[in-house]
Amino acid sequence: MPEDKEVLIIDDSEENVAFMQEILQEMGLPSRVACNGKEGIQALREKRPDLVLLDVMMPRKSGLKVFQEMKRDPELEKIPIIIVTGLGEVTGVDIETGREDEKESYRDDVVRRFGASLRKQLAGLTPDGLVEKPIDPPELMGKIRELLS
């Protein structure tokens, strides 16, 4: 991978950020980090990256809002975005297919509705890539290579 390419990670989980940075470092790609959606938008405006790895559930501005803002801004709209999310694991709804895990309690009904709602919102956004947490490094590396080549 060319070292002149830079990736912006927008994620509030230090553990996930460290893991993604390790993957990017292995690929020879420099990265910057924003810890929430508001910082992410600031970082995008300060210096445009070549790719964004974007979490969905974050404080101060969700990943969905960051995505929408980027797509409305002519200076940011062409930056490729890979959504990296654990929503499927948390809600029991596969974000890509809509398949639901078996329900175990009343709480699952509420969480499933939330997951299905977020899936519909994501479907309307059409990111350049979608990676479910826990992250599979070869899958993420493949999507990054594809988008930066």
Protein backbone atom coordinates (compact mmCIF):
# COMPACT_ATOMS: atom_id res chain seq x y z
CA MET A 1 0.00 0.00 0.00
CA PRO A 2 1.26 3.47 -0.77
CA GLU A 3 2.36 5.29 2.38
CA ASP A 4 1.00 8.58 1.07
CA LYS A 5 -2.51 7.32 1.85
CA GLU A 6 -3.95 8.17 5.27
CA VAL A 7 -6.87 6.63 7.15
CA LEU A 8 -9.03 8.42 9.71
CA ILE A 9 -10.48 6.18 12.42
CA ILE A 10 -13.60 7.61 14.07
CA ASP A 11 -14.44 5.35 17.02
CA ASP A 12 -14.98 5.89 20.75
CA SER A 13 -13.60 2.50 21.82
CA GLU A 14 -9.89 2.66 22.68
CA GLU A 15 -9.64 -1.10 22.26
CA ASN A 16 -11.14 -1.04 18.74
CA VAL A 17 -9.00 1.94 17.76
CA ALA A 18 -5.82 0.19 18.92
CA PHE A 19 -6.78 -2.96 17.00
CA MET A 20 -7.55 -1.03 13.78
CA GLN A 21 -4.31 0.97 14.12
CA GLU A 22 -2.40 -2.28 14.43
CA ILE A 23 -4.00 -3.56 11.21
CA LEU A 24 -3.26 -0.30 9.39
CA GLN A 25 0.33 -0.29 10.66
CA GLU A 26 0.77 -3.83 9.33
CA MET A 27 -0.47 -2.54 5.97
CA GLY A 28 1.97 0.38 6.09
CA LEU A 29 -0.81 2.96 6.33
CA PRO A 30 -0.61 5.99 8.63
CA SER A 31 -3.73 6.85 10.60
CA ARG A 32 -5.29 9.55 12.72
CA VAL A 33 -7.97 9.06 15.37
CA ALA A 34 -11.10 10.93 16.41
CA CYS A 35 -12.83 9.68 19.56
CA ASN A 36 -16.38 10.77 18.69
CA GLY A 37 -18.43 12.04 15.78
CA LYS A 38 -17.92 15.72 16.55
CA GLU A 39 -14.11 15.30 16.65
CA GLY A 40 -14.40 13.21 13.49
CA ILE A 41 -16.02 16.02 11.51
CA GLN A 42 -13.37 18.45 12.79
CA ALA A 43 -10.57 16.06 11.77
CA LEU A 44 -12.14 15.61 8.31
CA ARG A 45 -12.24 19.38 7.76
CA GLU A 46 -8.68 19.95 9.04
CA LYS A 47 -7.12 17.41 6.70
CA ARG A 48 -9.03 15.14 4.33
CA PRO A 49 -8.04 11.47 4.69
CA ASP A 50 -8.08 8.94 1.86
CA LEU A 51 -10.41 6.62 3.78
CA VAL A 52 -12.57 6.72 6.92
CA LEU A 53 -13.19 3.80 9.29
CA LEU A 54 -16.40 4.85 11.04
CA ASP A 55 -18.13 3.42 14.10
CA VAL A 56 -21.91 3.88 14.28
CA MET A 57 -22.66 4.20 17.99
CA MET A 58 -20.65 7.08 19.47
CA PRO A 59 -21.17 9.99 21.84
CA ARG A 60 -21.53 13.65 20.79
CA LYS A 61 -22.47 12.73 17.20
CA SER A 62 -23.35 9.28 15.92
CA GLY A 63 -21.60 7.63 13.01
CA LEU A 64 -24.87 7.85 11.08
CA LYS A 65 -24.86 11.64 11.50
CA VAL A 66 -21.17 11.84 10.50
CA PHE A 67 -21.91 9.75 7.40
CA GLN A 68 -24.87 11.95 6.43
CA GLU A 69 -22.87 15.13 6.98
CA MET A 70 -19.99 13.82 4.87
CA LYS A 71 -22.31 12.89 1.98
CA ARG A 72 -23.95 16.35 2.01
CA ASP A 73 -20.59 18.15 1.90
CA PRO A 74 -19.07 18.48 -1.61
CA GLU A 75 -15.55 18.51 -0.11
CA LEU A 76 -16.08 15.31 1.88
CA GLU A 77 -18.63 13.31 -0.12
CA LYS A 78 -16.10 11.38 -2.23
CA ILE A 79 -14.03 10.08 0.72
CA PRO A 80 -14.62 6.32 0.96
CA ILE A 81 -16.22 5.15 4.20
CA ILE A 82 -16.06 1.72 5.78
CA ILE A 83 -18.58 1.38 8.59
CA VAL A 84 -17.11 -0.77 11.36
CA THR A 85 -19.88 -1.71 13.76
CA GLY A 86 -20.79 -4.10 16.52
CA LEU A 87 -24.50 -3.40 16.13
CA GLY A 88 -25.22 -6.90 14.88
CA GLU A 89 -23.61 -8.44 17.92
CA VAL A 90 -25.36 -6.01 20.30
CA THR A 91 -28.83 -6.11 18.73
CA GLY A 92 -28.89 -9.66 17.37
CA VAL A 93 -29.78 -8.36 13.90
CA ASP A 94 -27.29 -8.95 11.08
CA ILE A 95 -26.76 -5.44 9.70
CA GLU A 96 -26.20 -6.67 6.12
CA THR A 97 -28.86 -9.40 5.78
CA GLY A 98 -31.43 -8.52 8.44
CA ARG A 99 -31.31 -12.06 9.86
CA GLU A 100 -32.19 -12.13 13.56
CA ASP A 101 -30.65 -14.32 16.25
CA GLU A 102 -33.05 -16.39 18.34
CA LYS A 103 -34.83 -14.28 20.97
CA GLU A 104 -34.32 -15.21 24.60
CA SER A 105 -36.34 -12.59 26.47
CA TYR A 106 -38.75 -9.66 26.18
CA ARG A 107 -35.71 -7.33 26.18
CA ASP A 108 -34.58 -9.00 22.96
CA ASP A 109 -37.77 -7.79 21.22
CA VAL A 110 -36.93 -4.17 22.04
CA VAL A 111 -33.28 -4.57 21.05
CA ARG A 112 -34.25 -6.34 17.79
CA ARG A 113 -36.56 -3.47 16.83
CA PHE A 114 -33.71 -1.04 17.49
CA GLY A 115 -31.34 -3.19 15.39
CA ALA A 116 -33.84 -3.47 12.54
CA SER A 117 -34.37 0.31 12.60
CA LEU A 118 -30.64 1.00 12.46
CA ARG A 119 -30.24 -1.55 9.67
CA LYS A 120 -32.82 0.35 7.60
CA GLN A 121 -30.98 3.63 8.24
CA LEU A 122 -27.67 2.07 7.25
CA ALA A 123 -29.19 0.53 4.11
CA GLY A 124 -30.16 4.00 2.94
CA LEU A 125 -26.62 5.26 3.45
CA THR A 126 -24.78 2.80 1.20
CA PRO A 127 -21.27 2.94 2.69
CA ASP A 128 -18.33 1.80 0.58
CA GLY A 129 -17.82 -1.10 2.98
CA LEU A 130 -19.30 -2.64 6.10
CA VAL A 131 -17.32 -4.68 8.64
CA GLU A 132 -18.93 -6.26 11.68
CA LYS A 133 -17.20 -6.35 15.05
CA PRO A 134 -15.42 -8.37 16.21
CA ILE A 135 -13.22 -7.32 13.30
CA ASP A 136 -11.84 -10.00 11.01
CA PRO A 137 -8.42 -8.54 10.01
CA PRO A 138 -8.24 -10.17 6.52
CA GLU A 139 -11.76 -8.91 5.73
CA LEU A 140 -10.94 -5.36 6.82
CA MET A 141 -7.57 -5.41 5.01
CA GLY A 142 -9.26 -6.60 1.82
CA LYS A 143 -11.83 -3.80 1.88
CA ILE A 144 -9.14 -1.21 2.63
CA ARG A 145 -6.94 -2.44 -0.25
CA GLU A 146 -9.92 -2.44 -2.60
CA LEU A 147 -10.88 1.14 -1.75
CA LEU A 148 -7.36 2.60 -1.75
CA SER A 149 -6.11 0.96 -4.93
